[in-house]
Amino acid sequence: MKESAKSLIELHNISKHAFELILEYIYTGTCNFSSDTIMELFVMSDRFILLDLKDKCSKYLERVLSDQTVNDILNVAENLHSSALVEKCKNLLKRLEQAKKV
């Protein structure tokens, strides 16, 4: 691996704050989620194969799921193969569609 010969490893497509939160999670097992960072943490937890963190992110996203967030969350959940979250999103979209018909 070329990273083993370097003293500095560059990470792309992750903010400093999100990476700090991931390190916090790795070292402490806890992470403070916020609406500002949750999507990035969800994606990065998948990228770094932090399955417990990915699951916690998914559960957080389930709690904040709304008509305003459902499309963005569904898009990411499908890309990350998060089947439970995809199902919750699709159920909400069905309910929203039924409400429009009434």
PDB file of N, CA and C in Angstrom:
ATOM      1  N   MET A   1       0.833  -1.187   0.000  1.00  0.00           N
ATOM      2  CA  MET A   1       0.000   0.000   0.000  1.00  0.00           C
ATOM      3  C   MET A   1       0.873   1.244   0.000  1.00  0.00           C
ATOM      4  N   LYS A   2       0.547   2.180  -0.849  1.00  0.00           N
ATOM      5  CA  LYS A   2       1.371   3.375  -0.901  1.00  0.00           C
ATOM      6  C   LYS A   2       1.205   4.230   0.355  1.00  0.00           C
ATOM      7  N   GLU A   3       0.058   4.093   1.080  1.00  0.00           N
ATOM      8  CA  GLU A   3      -0.134   4.856   2.310  1.00  0.00           C
ATOM      9  C   GLU A   3       0.883   4.481   3.380  1.00  0.00           C
ATOM     10  N   SER A   4       1.349   3.238   3.386  1.00  0.00           N
ATOM     11  CA  SER A   4       2.283   2.803   4.424  1.00  0.00           C
ATOM     12  C   SER A   4       3.634   3.491   4.309  1.00  0.00           C
ATOM     13  N   ALA A   5       3.978   4.024   3.149  1.00  0.00           N
ATOM     14  CA  ALA A   5       5.249   4.711   2.958  1.00  0.00           C
ATOM     15  C   ALA A   5       5.132   6.212   3.203  1.00  0.00           C
ATOM     16  N   LYS A   6       3.940   6.701   3.434  1.00  0.00           N
ATOM     17  CA  LYS A   6       3.728   8.133   3.634  1.00  0.00           C
ATOM     18  C   LYS A   6       3.526   8.449   5.101  1.00  0.00           C
ATOM     19  N   SER A   7       3.961   9.635   5.484  1.00  0.00           N
ATOM     20  CA  SER A   7       3.696  10.089   6.845  1.00  0.00           C
ATOM     21  C   SER A   7       2.373  10.843   6.931  1.00  0.00           C
ATOM     22  N   LEU A   8       1.811  11.172   5.779  1.00  0.00           N
ATOM     23  CA  LEU A   8       0.554  11.897   5.708  1.00  0.00           C
ATOM     24  C   LEU A   8      -0.371  11.181   4.729  1.00  0.00           C
ATOM     25  N   ILE A   9      -1.573  10.917   5.175  1.00  0.00           N
ATOM     26  CA  ILE A   9      -2.568  10.272   4.310  1.00  0.00           C
ATOM     27  C   ILE A   9      -3.660  11.292   4.034  1.00  0.00           C
ATOM     28  N   GLU A  10      -3.957  11.493   2.776  1.00  0.00           N
ATOM     29  CA  GLU A  10      -5.007  12.424   2.396  1.00  0.00           C
ATOM     30  C   GLU A  10      -6.331  11.676   2.255  1.00  0.00           C
ATOM     31  N   LEU A  11      -7.358  12.255   2.852  1.00  0.00           N
ATOM     32  CA  LEU A  11      -8.710  11.724   2.710  1.00  0.00           C
ATOM     33  C   LEU A  11      -9.523  12.738   1.920  1.00  0.00           C
ATOM     34  N   HIS A  12     -10.230  12.268   0.948  1.00  0.00           N
ATOM     35  CA  HIS A  12     -11.032  13.147   0.104  1.00  0.00           C
ATOM     36  C   HIS A  12     -12.513  12.940   0.398  1.00  0.00           C
ATOM     37  N   ASN A  13     -13.284  13.955   0.104  1.00  0.00           N
ATOM     38  CA  ASN A  13     -14.739  13.906   0.231  1.00  0.00           C
ATOM     39  C   ASN A  13     -15.218  13.706   1.658  1.00  0.00           C
ATOM     40  N   ILE A  14     -14.491  14.259   2.613  1.00  0.00           N
ATOM     41  CA  ILE A  14     -14.929  14.240   4.006  1.00  0.00           C
ATOM     42  C   ILE A  14     -14.477  15.528   4.666  1.00  0.00           C
ATOM     43  N   SER A  15     -15.383  16.131   5.410  1.00  0.00           N
ATOM     44  CA  SER A  15     -15.030  17.370   6.111  1.00  0.00           C
ATOM     45  C   SER A  15     -14.202  17.054   7.348  1.00  0.00           C
ATOM     46  N   LYS A  16     -13.466  18.032   7.783  1.00  0.00           N
ATOM     47  CA  LYS A  16     -12.653  17.877   8.989  1.00  0.00           C
ATOM     48  C   LYS A  16     -13.549  17.532  10.186  1.00  0.00           C
ATOM     49  N   HIS A  17     -14.665  18.221  10.282  1.00  0.00           N
ATOM     50  CA  HIS A  17     -15.569  17.994  11.410  1.00  0.00           C
ATOM     51  C   HIS A  17     -16.123  16.560  11.417  1.00  0.00           C
ATOM     52  N   ALA A  18     -16.537  16.087  10.269  1.00  0.00           N
ATOM     53  CA  ALA A  18     -17.065  14.718  10.187  1.00  0.00           C
ATOM     54  C   ALA A  18     -15.982  13.704  10.538  1.00  0.00           C
ATOM     55  N   PHE A  19     -14.771  13.933  10.078  1.00  0.00           N
ATOM     56  CA  PHE A  19     -13.684  13.011  10.400  1.00  0.00           C
ATOM     57  C   PHE A  19     -13.390  13.028  11.895  1.00  0.00           C
ATOM     58  N   GLU A  20     -13.438  14.191  12.502  1.00  0.00           N
ATOM     59  CA  GLU A  20     -13.246  14.275  13.960  1.00  0.00           C
ATOM     60  C   GLU A  20     -14.334  13.489  14.696  1.00  0.00           C
ATOM     61  N   LEU A  21     -15.567  13.576  14.216  1.00  0.00           N
ATOM     62  CA  LEU A  21     -16.654  12.820  14.834  1.00  0.00           C
ATOM     63  C   LEU A  21     -16.448  11.312  14.682  1.00  0.00           C
ATOM     64  N   ILE A  22     -15.952  10.898  13.527  1.00  0.00           N
ATOM     65  CA  ILE A  22     -15.678   9.479  13.308  1.00  0.00           C
ATOM     66  C   ILE A  22     -14.568   9.009  14.239  1.00  0.00           C
ATOM     67  N   LEU A  23     -13.521   9.806  14.378  1.00  0.00           N
ATOM     68  CA  LEU A  23     -12.441   9.447  15.320  1.00  0.00           C
ATOM     69  C   LEU A  23     -12.969   9.371  16.751  1.00  0.00           C
ATOM     70  N   GLU A  24     -13.822  10.330  17.101  1.00  0.00           N
ATOM     71  CA  GLU A  24     -14.444  10.305  18.429  1.00  0.00           C
ATOM     72  C   GLU A  24     -15.206   8.991  18.627  1.00  0.00           C
ATOM     73  N   TYR A  25     -15.946   8.584  17.617  1.00  0.00           N
ATOM     74  CA  TYR A  25     -16.707   7.344  17.711  1.00  0.00           C
ATOM     75  C   TYR A  25     -15.777   6.138  17.839  1.00  0.00           C
ATOM     76  N   ILE A  26     -14.717   6.104  17.058  1.00  0.00           N
ATOM     77  CA  ILE A  26     -13.776   4.982  17.108  1.00  0.00           C
ATOM     78  C   ILE A  26     -13.151   4.866  18.499  1.00  0.00           C
ATOM     79  N   TYR A  27     -12.789   5.991  19.092  1.00  0.00           N
ATOM     80  CA  TYR A  27     -12.111   5.964  20.390  1.00  0.00           C
ATOM     81  C   TYR A  27     -13.050   5.853  21.582  1.00  0.00           C
ATOM     82  N   THR A  28     -14.270   6.389  21.470  1.00  0.00           N
ATOM     83  CA  THR A  28     -15.151   6.415  22.648  1.00  0.00           C
ATOM     84  C   THR A  28     -16.411   5.571  22.496  1.00  0.00           C
ATOM     85  N   GLY A  29     -16.768   5.242  21.257  1.00  0.00           N
ATOM     86  CA  GLY A  29     -18.006   4.504  21.037  1.00  0.00           C
ATOM     87  C   GLY A  29     -19.236   5.386  21.036  1.00  0.00           C
ATOM     88  N   THR A  30     -19.020   6.689  21.146  1.00  0.00           N
ATOM     89  CA  THR A  30     -20.139   7.630  21.119  1.00  0.00           C
ATOM     90  C   THR A  30     -19.895   8.684  20.051  1.00  0.00           C
ATOM     91  N   CYS A  31     -20.982   9.293  19.629  1.00  0.00           N
ATOM     92  CA  CYS A  31     -20.886  10.328  18.603  1.00  0.00           C
ATOM     93  C   CYS A  31     -22.088  11.245  18.745  1.00  0.00           C
ATOM     94  N   ASN A  32     -21.856  12.537  18.678  1.00  0.00           N
ATOM     95  CA  ASN A  32     -22.946  13.507  18.756  1.00  0.00           C
ATOM     96  C   ASN A  32     -23.445  13.811  17.347  1.00  0.00           C
ATOM     97  N   PHE A  33     -24.619  13.294  17.044  1.00  0.00           N
ATOM     98  CA  PHE A  33     -25.211  13.508  15.727  1.00  0.00           C
ATOM     99  C   PHE A  33     -25.872  14.881  15.674  1.00  0.00           C
ATOM    100  N   SER A  34     -25.855  15.459  14.506  1.00  0.00           N
ATOM    101  CA  SER A  34     -26.620  16.678  14.267  1.00  0.00           C
ATOM    102  C   SER A  34     -27.129  16.635  12.832  1.00  0.00           C
ATOM    103  N   SER A  35     -28.119  17.431  12.577  1.00  0.00           N
ATOM    104  CA  SER A  35     -28.665  17.446  11.221  1.00  0.00           C
ATOM    105  C   SER A  35     -27.645  17.959  10.215  1.00  0.00           C
ATOM    106  N   ASP A  36     -26.653  18.708  10.680  1.00  0.00           N
ATOM    107  CA  ASP A  36     -25.618  19.238   9.791  1.00  0.00           C
ATOM    108  C   ASP A  36     -24.633  18.169   9.324  1.00  0.00           C
ATOM    109  N   THR A  37     -24.418  17.148  10.137  1.00  0.00           N
ATOM    110  CA  THR A  37     -23.365  16.168   9.829  1.00  0.00           C
ATOM    111  C   THR A  37     -23.863  14.756   9.567  1.00  0.00           C
ATOM    112  N   ILE A  38     -25.125  14.502   9.832  1.00  0.00           N
ATOM    113  CA  ILE A  38     -25.600  13.116   9.835  1.00  0.00           C
ATOM    114  C   ILE A  38     -25.455  12.426   8.481  1.00  0.00           C
ATOM    115  N   MET A  39     -25.771  13.096   7.403  1.00  0.00           N
ATOM    116  CA  MET A  39     -25.679  12.443   6.092  1.00  0.00           C
ATOM    117  C   MET A  39     -24.234  12.102   5.751  1.00  0.00           C
ATOM    118  N   GLU A  40     -23.331  13.028   6.047  1.00  0.00           N
ATOM    119  CA  GLU A  40     -21.917  12.771   5.776  1.00  0.00           C
ATOM    120  C   GLU A  40     -21.401  11.634   6.659  1.00  0.00           C
ATOM    121  N   LEU A  41     -21.809  11.613   7.918  1.00  0.00           N
ATOM    122  CA  LEU A  41     -21.407  10.515   8.811  1.00  0.00           C
ATOM    123  C   LEU A  41     -21.952   9.177   8.322  1.00  0.00           C
ATOM    124  N   PHE A  42     -23.175   9.177   7.832  1.00  0.00           N
ATOM    125  CA  PHE A  42     -23.796   7.965   7.316  1.00  0.00           C
ATOM    126  C   PHE A  42     -22.977   7.405   6.152  1.00  0.00           C
ATOM    127  N   VAL A  43     -22.646   8.286   5.213  1.00  0.00           N
ATOM    128  CA  VAL A  43     -21.859   7.873   4.045  1.00  0.00           C
ATOM    129  C   VAL A  43     -20.459   7.426   4.458  1.00  0.00           C
ATOM    130  N   MET A  44     -19.821   8.179   5.336  1.00  0.00           N
ATOM    131  CA  MET A  44     -18.453   7.850   5.738  1.00  0.00           C
ATOM    132  C   MET A  44     -18.392   6.595   6.610  1.00  0.00           C
ATOM    133  N   SER A  45     -19.419   6.352   7.402  1.00  0.00           N
ATOM    134  CA  SER A  45     -19.433   5.124   8.203  1.00  0.00           C
ATOM    135  C   SER A  45     -19.493   3.906   7.290  1.00  0.00           C
ATOM    136  N   ASP A  46     -20.183   4.034   6.180  1.00  0.00           N
ATOM    137  CA  ASP A  46     -20.196   2.958   5.186  1.00  0.00           C
ATOM    138  C   ASP A  46     -18.825   2.842   4.520  1.00  0.00           C
ATOM    139  N   ARG A  47     -18.255   3.958   4.148  1.00  0.00           N
ATOM    140  CA  ARG A  47     -16.946   3.970   3.475  1.00  0.00           C
ATOM    141  C   ARG A  47     -15.857   3.334   4.332  1.00  0.00           C
ATOM    142  N   PHE A  48     -15.884   3.634   5.643  1.00  0.00           N
ATOM    143  CA  PHE A  48     -14.859   3.121   6.553  1.00  0.00           C
ATOM    144  C   PHE A  48     -15.276   1.814   7.236  1.00  0.00           C
ATOM    145  N   ILE A  49     -16.394   1.259   6.810  1.00  0.00           N
ATOM    146  CA  ILE A  49     -16.923  -0.016   7.315  1.00  0.00           C
ATOM    147  C   ILE A  49     -17.093   0.021   8.842  1.00  0.00           C
ATOM    148  N   LEU A  50     -17.696   1.090   9.325  1.00  0.00           N
ATOM    149  CA  LEU A  50     -18.033   1.221  10.742  1.00  0.00           C
ATOM    150  C   LEU A  50     -19.521   0.902  10.873  1.00  0.00           C
ATOM    151  N   LEU A  51     -19.823  -0.384  10.899  1.00  0.00           N
ATOM    152  CA  LEU A  51     -21.213  -0.832  10.795  1.00  0.00           C
ATOM    153  C   LEU A  51     -22.075  -0.386  11.960  1.00  0.00           C
ATOM    154  N   ASP A  52     -21.526  -0.348  13.185  1.00  0.00           N
ATOM    155  CA  ASP A  52     -22.318   0.127  14.325  1.00  0.00           C
ATOM    156  C   ASP A  52     -22.676   1.602  14.150  1.00  0.00           C
ATOM    157  N   LEU A  53     -21.717   2.382  13.708  1.00  0.00           N
ATOM    158  CA  LEU A  53     -21.976   3.803  13.474  1.00  0.00           C
ATOM    159  C   LEU A  53     -22.975   3.977  12.331  1.00  0.00           C
ATOM    160  N   LYS A  54     -22.843   3.200  11.295  1.00  0.00           N
ATOM    161  CA  LYS A  54     -23.788   3.267  10.178  1.00  0.00           C
ATOM    162  C   LYS A  54     -25.199   2.962  10.656  1.00  0.00           C
ATOM    163  N   ASP A  55     -25.334   1.962  11.510  1.00  0.00           N
ATOM    164  CA  ASP A  55     -26.642   1.602  12.050  1.00  0.00           C
ATOM    165  C   ASP A  55     -27.207   2.735  12.909  1.00  0.00           C
ATOM    166  N   LYS A  56     -26.362   3.359  13.722  1.00  0.00           N
ATOM    167  CA  LYS A  56     -26.820   4.478  14.557  1.00  0.00           C
ATOM    168  C   LYS A  56     -27.238   5.660  13.689  1.00  0.00           C
ATOM    169  N   CYS A  57     -26.487   5.914  12.634  1.00  0.00           N
ATOM    170  CA  CYS A  57     -26.854   6.987  11.705  1.00  0.00           C
ATOM    171  C   CYS A  57     -28.203   6.685  11.053  1.00  0.00           C
ATOM    172  N   SER A  58     -28.393   5.445  10.642  1.00  0.00           N
ATOM    173  CA  SER A  58     -29.642   5.040  10.017  1.00  0.00           C
ATOM    174  C   SER A  58     -30.816   5.246  10.965  1.00  0.00           C
ATOM    175  N   LYS A  59     -30.648   4.855  12.210  1.00  0.00           N
ATOM    176  CA  LYS A  59     -31.723   5.026  13.198  1.00  0.00           C
ATOM    177  C   LYS A  59     -32.010   6.505  13.458  1.00  0.00           C
ATOM    178  N   TYR A  60     -30.975   7.327  13.497  1.00  0.00           N
ATOM    179  CA  TYR A  60     -31.160   8.765  13.651  1.00  0.00           C
ATOM    180  C   TYR A  60     -31.955   9.319  12.462  1.00  0.00           C
ATOM    181  N   LEU A  61     -31.580   8.902  11.262  1.00  0.00           N
ATOM    182  CA  LEU A  61     -32.278   9.373  10.068  1.00  0.00           C
ATOM    183  C   LEU A  61     -33.732   8.918  10.049  1.00  0.00           C
ATOM    184  N   GLU A  62     -34.011   7.735  10.574  1.00  0.00           N
ATOM    185  CA  GLU A  62     -35.397   7.280  10.691  1.00  0.00           C
ATOM    186  C   GLU A  62     -36.194   8.232  11.577  1.00  0.00           C
ATOM    187  N   ARG A  63     -35.575   8.698  12.665  1.00  0.00           N
ATOM    188  CA  ARG A  63     -36.272   9.586  13.604  1.00  0.00           C
ATOM    189  C   ARG A  63     -36.540  10.967  13.008  1.00  0.00           C
ATOM    190  N   VAL A  64     -35.656  11.441  12.125  1.00  0.00           N
ATOM    191  CA  VAL A  64     -35.841  12.785  11.570  1.00  0.00           C
ATOM    192  C   VAL A  64     -36.490  12.755  10.188  1.00  0.00           C
ATOM    193  N   LEU A  65     -36.917  11.591   9.762  1.00  0.00           N
ATOM    194  CA  LEU A  65     -37.544  11.428   8.451  1.00  0.00           C
ATOM    195  C   LEU A  65     -38.818  12.253   8.373  1.00  0.00           C
ATOM    196  N   SER A  66     -38.928  13.040   7.325  1.00  0.00           N
ATOM    197  CA  SER A  66     -40.115  13.878   7.133  1.00  0.00           C
ATOM    198  C   SER A  66     -40.366  14.052   5.644  1.00  0.00           C
ATOM    199  N   ASP A  67     -41.467  14.706   5.330  1.00  0.00           N
ATOM    200  CA  ASP A  67     -41.771  14.953   3.922  1.00  0.00           C
ATOM    201  C   ASP A  67     -40.707  15.821   3.259  1.00  0.00           C
ATOM    202  N   GLN A  68     -39.994  16.613   4.039  1.00  0.00           N
ATOM    203  CA  GLN A  68     -38.950  17.481   3.487  1.00  0.00           C
ATOM    204  C   GLN A  68     -37.610  16.764   3.312  1.00  0.00           C
ATOM    205  N   THR A  69     -37.377  15.696   4.076  1.00  0.00           N
ATOM    206  CA  THR A  69     -36.076  15.018   4.036  1.00  0.00           C
ATOM    207  C   THR A  69     -36.113  13.673   3.329  1.00  0.00           C
ATOM    208  N   VAL A  70     -37.285  13.152   3.074  1.00  0.00           N
ATOM    209  CA  VAL A  70     -37.426  11.767   2.621  1.00  0.00           C
ATOM    210  C   VAL A  70     -36.692  11.469   1.316  1.00  0.00           C
ATOM    211  N   ASN A  71     -36.751  12.365   0.360  1.00  0.00           N
ATOM    212  CA  ASN A  71     -36.106  12.080  -0.931  1.00  0.00           C
ATOM    213  C   ASN A  71     -34.585  12.016  -0.819  1.00  0.00           C
ATOM    214  N   ASP A  72     -33.998  12.948  -0.090  1.00  0.00           N
ATOM    215  CA  ASP A  72     -32.543  12.935   0.096  1.00  0.00           C
ATOM    216  C   ASP A  72     -32.109  11.697   0.875  1.00  0.00           C
ATOM    217  N   ILE A  73     -32.838  11.382   1.929  1.00  0.00           N
ATOM    218  CA  ILE A  73     -32.488  10.222   2.746  1.00  0.00           C
ATOM    219  C   ILE A  73     -32.653   8.936   1.938  1.00  0.00           C
ATOM    220  N   LEU A  74     -33.736   8.830   1.187  1.00  0.00           N
ATOM    221  CA  LEU A  74     -33.961   7.636   0.364  1.00  0.00           C
ATOM    222  C   LEU A  74     -32.826   7.446  -0.635  1.00  0.00           C
ATOM    223  N   ASN A  75     -32.422   8.515  -1.271  1.00  0.00           N
ATOM    224  CA  ASN A  75     -31.348   8.452  -2.255  1.00  0.00           C
ATOM    225  C   ASN A  75     -30.064   7.876  -1.640  1.00  0.00           C
ATOM    226  N   VAL A  76     -29.675   8.399  -0.503  1.00  0.00           N
ATOM    227  CA  VAL A  76     -28.452   7.938   0.164  1.00  0.00           C
ATOM    228  C   VAL A  76     -28.639   6.519   0.689  1.00  0.00           C
ATOM    229  N   ALA A  77     -29.773   6.237   1.298  1.00  0.00           N
ATOM    230  CA  ALA A  77     -30.033   4.909   1.857  1.00  0.00           C
ATOM    231  C   ALA A  77     -29.975   3.831   0.780  1.00  0.00           C
ATOM    232  N   GLU A  78     -30.508   4.124  -0.383  1.00  0.00           N
ATOM    233  CA  GLU A  78     -30.437   3.156  -1.484  1.00  0.00           C
ATOM    234  C   GLU A  78     -28.995   2.936  -1.927  1.00  0.00           C
ATOM    235  N   ASN A  79     -28.224   4.006  -2.025  1.00  0.00           N
ATOM    236  CA  ASN A  79     -26.819   3.881  -2.427  1.00  0.00           C
ATOM    237  C   ASN A  79     -25.993   3.082  -1.426  1.00  0.00           C
ATOM    238  N   LEU A  80     -26.377   3.152  -0.143  1.00  0.00           N
ATOM    239  CA  LEU A  80     -25.629   2.457   0.904  1.00  0.00           C
ATOM    240  C   LEU A  80     -26.252   1.116   1.275  1.00  0.00           C
ATOM    241  N   HIS A  81     -27.272   0.725   0.532  1.00  0.00           N
ATOM    242  CA  HIS A  81     -27.943  -0.565   0.752  1.00  0.00           C
ATOM    243  C   HIS A  81     -28.443  -0.705   2.186  1.00  0.00           C
ATOM    244  N   SER A  82     -29.046   0.353   2.681  1.00  0.00           N
ATOM    245  CA  SER A  82     -29.614   0.354   4.027  1.00  0.00           C
ATOM    246  C   SER A  82     -31.099   0.025   3.914  1.00  0.00           C
ATOM    247  N   SER A  83     -31.391  -1.261   3.856  1.00  0.00           N
ATOM    248  CA  SER A  83     -32.735  -1.718   3.502  1.00  0.00           C
ATOM    249  C   SER A  83     -33.820  -1.266   4.478  1.00  0.00           C
ATOM    250  N   ALA A  84     -33.544  -1.262   5.770  1.00  0.00           N
ATOM    251  CA  ALA A  84     -34.565  -0.842   6.730  1.00  0.00           C
ATOM    252  C   ALA A  84     -34.919   0.629   6.535  1.00  0.00           C
ATOM    253  N   LEU A  85     -33.916   1.450   6.307  1.00  0.00           N
ATOM    254  CA  LEU A  85     -34.163   2.874   6.096  1.00  0.00           C
ATOM    255  C   LEU A  85     -34.859   3.113   4.757  1.00  0.00           C
ATOM    256  N   VAL A  86     -34.483   2.382   3.737  1.00  0.00           N
ATOM    257  CA  VAL A  86     -35.153   2.480   2.435  1.00  0.00           C
ATOM    258  C   VAL A  86     -36.634   2.152   2.600  1.00  0.00           C
ATOM    259  N   GLU A  87     -36.921   1.103   3.335  1.00  0.00           N
ATOM    260  CA  GLU A  87     -38.313   0.695   3.561  1.00  0.00           C
ATOM    261  C   GLU A  87     -39.095   1.788   4.289  1.00  0.00           C
ATOM    262  N   LYS A  88     -38.506   2.390   5.313  1.00  0.00           N
ATOM    263  CA  LYS A  88     -39.180   3.476   6.045  1.00  0.00           C
ATOM    264  C   LYS A  88     -39.462   4.651   5.108  1.00  0.00           C
ATOM    265  N   CYS A  89     -38.493   4.985   4.274  1.00  0.00           N
ATOM    266  CA  CYS A  89     -38.671   6.087   3.324  1.00  0.00           C
ATOM    267  C   CYS A  89     -39.800   5.791   2.347  1.00  0.00           C
ATOM    268  N   LYS A  90     -39.803   4.591   1.798  1.00  0.00           N
ATOM    269  CA  LYS A  90     -40.834   4.224   0.838  1.00  0.00           C
ATOM    270  C   LYS A  90     -42.214   4.216   1.479  1.00  0.00           C
ATOM    271  N   ASN A  91     -42.308   3.771   2.723  1.00  0.00           N
ATOM    272  CA  ASN A  91     -43.594   3.797   3.432  1.00  0.00           C
ATOM    273  C   ASN A  91     -44.083   5.229   3.623  1.00  0.00           C
ATOM    274  N   LEU A  92     -43.158   6.126   3.975  1.00  0.00           N
ATOM    275  CA  LEU A  92     -43.545   7.523   4.136  1.00  0.00           C
ATOM    276  C   LEU A  92     -43.997   8.115   2.803  1.00  0.00           C
ATOM    277  N   LEU A  93     -43.290   7.817   1.740  1.00  0.00           N
ATOM    278  CA  LEU A  93     -43.687   8.324   0.427  1.00  0.00           C
ATOM    279  C   LEU A  93     -45.069   7.818   0.024  1.00  0.00           C
ATOM    280  N   LYS A  94     -45.376   6.565   0.347  1.00  0.00           N
ATOM    281  CA  LYS A  94     -46.715   6.025   0.061  1.00  0.00           C
ATOM    282  C   LYS A  94     -47.780   6.784   0.840  1.00  0.00           C
ATOM    283  N   ARG A  95     -47.505   7.022   2.136  1.00  0.00           N
ATOM    284  CA  ARG A  95     -48.474   7.759   2.962  1.00  0.00           C
ATOM    285  C   ARG A  95     -48.667   9.179   2.436  1.00  0.00           C
ATOM    286  N   LEU A  96     -47.586   9.812   2.016  1.00  0.00           N
ATOM    287  CA  LEU A  96     -47.689  11.169   1.476  1.00  0.00           C
ATOM    288  C   LEU A  96     -48.494  11.182   0.184  1.00  0.00           C
ATOM    289  N   GLU A  97     -48.283  10.185  -0.656  1.00  0.00           N
ATOM    290  CA  GLU A  97     -49.021  10.070  -1.920  1.00  0.00           C
ATOM    291  C   GLU A  97     -50.511   9.836  -1.641  1.00  0.00           C
ATOM    292  N   GLN A  98     -50.814   8.992  -0.662  1.00  0.00           N
ATOM    293  CA  GLN A  98     -52.217   8.732  -0.317  1.00  0.00           C
ATOM    294  C   GLN A  98     -52.876   9.986   0.244  1.00  0.00           C
ATOM    295  N   ALA A  99     -52.129  10.764   1.020  1.00  0.00           N
ATOM    296  CA  ALA A  99     -52.678  11.999   1.594  1.00  0.00           C
ATOM    297  C   ALA A  99     -53.017  13.008   0.503  1.00  0.00           C
ATOM    298  N   LYS A 100     -52.253  13.018  -0.574  1.00  0.00           N
ATOM    299  CA  LYS A 100     -52.516  13.937  -1.684  1.00  0.00           C
ATOM    300  C   LYS A 100     -53.826  13.580  -2.382  1.00  0.00           C
ATOM    301  N   LYS A 101     -54.164  12.293  -2.385  1.00  0.00           N
ATOM    302  CA  LYS A 101     -55.374  11.837  -3.080  1.00  0.00           C
ATOM    303  C   LYS A 101     -56.647  12.188  -2.321  1.00  0.00           C
ATOM    304  N   VAL A 102     -56.521  12.425  -1.032  1.00  0.00           N
ATOM    305  CA  VAL A 102     -57.702  12.708  -0.202  1.00  0.00           C
ATOM    306  C   VAL A 102     -58.147  14.126  -0.325  1.00  0.00           C
TER     307      VAL A 102
END
